[in-house]
Amino acid sequence: KIWLDCMASGKNLQAAIDTLDASYYQVDANGVVTNRANSVAMMKGMNSSMRNAKGKITIERISESKGEICAWVKFVGQGEMKQGNKWVPFQFNTSVVESLKRTSAGLKFIYSQHLP
C-alpha cells in the first residue's frame, strides 16, 4: 500500500524508499537489472511527473521460506503523467514478484521481478 500512497500523494516518498534494503535490485520484464540507487532515482522522477494516481494492489500469493517472504502482486491503476507542458492520462497493469526479508527495522524489499 505504501507504494500506491507514494504515487498518489507524493507525501510518502521517503517512507517508500526506506522500505528498500541496501542490497535491493529489480529486474524488469525485459531482463534489465536496476540497483537500489537507480530505483530510488526512478521513484523520485516518477513522483515529480505524476499526479492523480490511483489504483488497486492485489496480493495473489505469499510464501515464506528461511526468513524470506515472496509475494506475487498485481498492480492496476491510472493517473496523469507530465509530458512537456501537458498532463496526459496513463494506465498500468503489471504483475511483480516481490522478495522481502525481516530486519530489526521491519520488512525490507530485497528484490523485485516484473513478470511478462
C-alpha atoms as a PDB file:
ATOM      1  CA  LYS A   1       0.000   0.000   0.000  1.00  0.00           C
ATOM      2  CA  ILE A   2       2.829   2.425   0.731  1.00  0.00           C
ATOM      3  CA  TRP A   3       3.943   2.348  -2.931  1.00  0.00           C
ATOM      4  CA  LEU A   4       0.491   3.320  -4.159  1.00  0.00           C
ATOM      5  CA  ASP A   5       0.211   6.037  -1.488  1.00  0.00           C
ATOM      6  CA  CYS A   6       3.535   7.415  -2.668  1.00  0.00           C
ATOM      7  CA  MET A   7       2.358   7.562  -6.265  1.00  0.00           C
ATOM      8  CA  ALA A   8      -0.953   9.138  -5.335  1.00  0.00           C
ATOM      9  CA  SER A   9       0.242  11.828  -2.958  1.00  0.00           C
ATOM     10  CA  GLY A  10       3.999  12.160  -3.150  1.00  0.00           C
ATOM     11  CA  LYS A  11       3.970  12.564   0.633  1.00  0.00           C
ATOM     12  CA  ASN A  12       5.318   9.106   1.412  1.00  0.00           C
ATOM     13  CA  LEU A  13       8.255   9.019  -0.984  1.00  0.00           C
ATOM     14  CA  GLN A  14      10.886   8.703   1.738  1.00  0.00           C
ATOM     15  CA  ALA A  15       8.801   6.077   3.526  1.00  0.00           C
ATOM     16  CA  ALA A  16       8.679   4.052   0.285  1.00  0.00           C
ATOM     17  CA  ILE A  17      12.447   4.459  -0.206  1.00  0.00           C
ATOM     18  CA  ASP A  18      13.041   3.347   3.383  1.00  0.00           C
ATOM     19  CA  THR A  19      11.367   0.002   2.634  1.00  0.00           C
ATOM     20  CA  LEU A  20      14.191  -0.877   0.206  1.00  0.00           C
ATOM     21  CA  ASP A  21      17.073  -2.865   1.649  1.00  0.00           C
ATOM     22  CA  ALA A  22      20.592  -1.620   0.854  1.00  0.00           C
ATOM     23  CA  SER A  23      21.020  -4.705  -1.371  1.00  0.00           C
ATOM     24  CA  TYR A  24      17.742  -4.130  -3.264  1.00  0.00           C
ATOM     25  CA  TYR A  25      17.562  -4.571  -7.025  1.00  0.00           C
ATOM     26  CA  GLN A  26      14.835  -5.147  -9.549  1.00  0.00           C
ATOM     27  CA  VAL A  27      14.550  -6.877 -12.894  1.00  0.00           C
ATOM     28  CA  ASP A  28      12.027  -5.604 -15.425  1.00  0.00           C
ATOM     29  CA  ALA A  29      10.010  -7.795 -17.802  1.00  0.00           C
ATOM     30  CA  ASN A  30      12.780  -7.438 -20.429  1.00  0.00           C
ATOM     31  CA  GLY A  31      15.503  -8.625 -18.045  1.00  0.00           C
ATOM     32  CA  VAL A  32      17.026  -5.187 -17.385  1.00  0.00           C
ATOM     33  CA  VAL A  33      18.509  -5.031 -13.866  1.00  0.00           C
ATOM     34  CA  THR A  34      18.253  -1.834 -11.803  1.00  0.00           C
ATOM     35  CA  ASN A  35      20.063  -1.400  -8.472  1.00  0.00           C
ATOM     36  CA  ARG A  36      18.729   0.438  -5.407  1.00  0.00           C
ATOM     37  CA  ALA A  37      20.278   3.816  -6.265  1.00  0.00           C
ATOM     38  CA  ASN A  38      18.808   3.797  -9.762  1.00  0.00           C
ATOM     39  CA  SER A  39      15.460   2.578  -8.432  1.00  0.00           C
ATOM     40  CA  VAL A  40      15.376   5.475  -5.969  1.00  0.00           C
ATOM     41  CA  ALA A  41      16.220   7.954  -8.738  1.00  0.00           C
ATOM     42  CA  MET A  42      13.430   6.477 -10.859  1.00  0.00           C
ATOM     43  CA  MET A  43      10.954   6.753  -7.952  1.00  0.00           C
ATOM     44  CA  LYS A  44      11.877  10.405  -7.412  1.00  0.00           C
ATOM     45  CA  GLY A  45      11.464  11.160 -11.117  1.00  0.00           C
ATOM     46  CA  MET A  46       8.075   9.430 -11.265  1.00  0.00           C
ATOM     47  CA  ASN A  47       6.953  11.214  -8.124  1.00  0.00           C
ATOM     48  CA  SER A  48       7.502  14.637  -9.680  1.00  0.00           C
ATOM     49  CA  SER A  49       5.989  13.772 -13.066  1.00  0.00           C
ATOM     50  CA  MET A  50       2.767  12.034 -11.975  1.00  0.00           C
ATOM     51  CA  ARG A  51      -0.466  13.217 -10.415  1.00  0.00           C
ATOM     52  CA  ASN A  52      -3.919  11.881  -9.592  1.00  0.00           C
ATOM     53  CA  ALA A  53      -2.570   8.330  -9.489  1.00  0.00           C
ATOM     54  CA  LYS A  54      -4.903   5.733  -8.067  1.00  0.00           C
ATOM     55  CA  GLY A  55      -5.149   2.034  -8.322  1.00  0.00           C
ATOM     56  CA  LYS A  56      -5.541  -1.340  -6.762  1.00  0.00           C
ATOM     57  CA  ILE A  57      -2.972  -3.755  -5.439  1.00  0.00           C
ATOM     58  CA  THR A  58      -3.887  -7.435  -5.262  1.00  0.00           C
ATOM     59  CA  ILE A  59      -1.635  -9.877  -3.438  1.00  0.00           C
ATOM     60  CA  GLU A  60      -2.213 -13.088  -5.328  1.00  0.00           C
ATOM     61  CA  ARG A  61       0.045 -15.397  -3.333  1.00  0.00           C
ATOM     62  CA  ILE A  62       2.530 -15.297  -0.456  1.00  0.00           C
ATOM     63  CA  SER A  63       5.144 -17.838   0.558  1.00  0.00           C
ATOM     64  CA  GLU A  64       7.856 -17.806   3.198  1.00  0.00           C
ATOM     65  CA  SER A  65      10.999 -19.879   3.429  1.00  0.00           C
ATOM     66  CA  LYS A  66      14.122 -19.428   5.535  1.00  0.00           C
ATOM     67  CA  GLY A  67      13.238 -15.866   6.532  1.00  0.00           C
ATOM     68  CA  GLU A  68      12.473 -14.646   3.019  1.00  0.00           C
ATOM     69  CA  ILE A  69       8.939 -13.740   2.034  1.00  0.00           C
ATOM     70  CA  CYS A  70       7.840 -13.812  -1.591  1.00  0.00           C
ATOM     71  CA  ALA A  71       4.656 -12.065  -2.697  1.00  0.00           C
ATOM     72  CA  TRP A  72       3.084 -12.296  -6.143  1.00  0.00           C
ATOM     73  CA  VAL A  73       1.448  -8.907  -6.615  1.00  0.00           C
ATOM     74  CA  LYS A  74      -0.727  -7.353  -9.312  1.00  0.00           C
ATOM     75  CA  PHE A  75      -0.865  -3.551  -9.707  1.00  0.00           C
ATOM     76  CA  VAL A  76      -3.668  -1.955 -11.757  1.00  0.00           C
ATOM     77  CA  GLY A  77      -4.095   1.794 -11.912  1.00  0.00           C
ATOM     78  CA  GLN A  78      -4.312   5.064 -13.717  1.00  0.00           C
ATOM     79  CA  GLY A  79      -3.344   8.697 -13.393  1.00  0.00           C
ATOM     80  CA  GLU A  80      -1.760  11.525 -15.303  1.00  0.00           C
ATOM     81  CA  MET A  81       1.861  11.872 -16.391  1.00  0.00           C
ATOM     82  CA  LYS A  82       3.540  15.112 -17.378  1.00  0.00           C
ATOM     83  CA  GLN A  83       4.773  15.231 -20.969  1.00  0.00           C
ATOM     84  CA  GLY A  84       6.233  18.613 -21.797  1.00  0.00           C
ATOM     85  CA  ASN A  85       3.688  21.178 -20.596  1.00  0.00           C
ATOM     86  CA  LYS A  86       0.736  18.756 -20.703  1.00  0.00           C
ATOM     87  CA  TRP A  87      -0.706  16.204 -18.332  1.00  0.00           C
ATOM     88  CA  VAL A  88      -1.515  13.017 -20.275  1.00  0.00           C
ATOM     89  CA  PRO A  89      -3.671  10.162 -18.909  1.00  0.00           C
ATOM     90  CA  PHE A  90      -1.982   6.806 -18.395  1.00  0.00           C
ATOM     91  CA  GLN A  91      -2.992   3.339 -17.256  1.00  0.00           C
ATOM     92  CA  PHE A  92      -0.907   0.475 -15.988  1.00  0.00           C
ATOM     93  CA  ASN A  93      -1.427  -3.203 -15.337  1.00  0.00           C
ATOM     94  CA  THR A  94       1.617  -5.098 -14.141  1.00  0.00           C
ATOM     95  CA  SER A  95       2.488  -8.188 -12.133  1.00  0.00           C
ATOM     96  CA  VAL A  96       5.543  -8.459  -9.916  1.00  0.00           C
ATOM     97  CA  VAL A  97       7.120 -10.962  -7.556  1.00  0.00           C
ATOM     98  CA  GLU A  98       8.479  -9.121  -4.514  1.00  0.00           C
ATOM     99  CA  SER A  99      11.025 -10.693  -2.159  1.00  0.00           C
ATOM    100  CA  LEU A 100      11.301  -9.296   1.348  1.00  0.00           C
ATOM    101  CA  LYS A 101      13.317 -10.084   4.448  1.00  0.00           C
ATOM    102  CA  ARG A 102      12.696  -9.444   8.102  1.00  0.00           C
ATOM    103  CA  THR A 103      15.081  -6.942   9.699  1.00  0.00           C
ATOM    104  CA  SER A 104      15.240  -5.165  13.041  1.00  0.00           C
ATOM    105  CA  ALA A 105      13.656  -2.170  11.237  1.00  0.00           C
ATOM    106  CA  GLY A 106      10.806  -4.304   9.854  1.00  0.00           C
ATOM    107  CA  LEU A 107      10.270  -5.885   6.453  1.00  0.00           C
ATOM    108  CA  LYS A 108      12.596  -4.709   3.670  1.00  0.00           C
ATOM    109  CA  PHE A 109      12.286  -5.301  -0.069  1.00  0.00           C
ATOM    110  CA  ILE A 110      15.365  -7.086  -1.408  1.00  0.00           C
ATOM    111  CA  TYR A 111      14.297  -7.995  -4.940  1.00  0.00           C
ATOM    112  CA  SER A 112      11.516  -7.283  -7.424  1.00  0.00           C
ATOM    113  CA  GLN A 113      10.908  -9.252 -10.609  1.00  0.00           C
ATOM    114  CA  HIS A 114       8.436  -7.775 -13.100  1.00  0.00           C
ATOM    115  CA  LEU A 115       6.586 -10.567 -14.853  1.00  0.00           C
ATOM    116  CA  PRO A 116       5.850 -10.639 -18.586  1.00  0.00           C
END
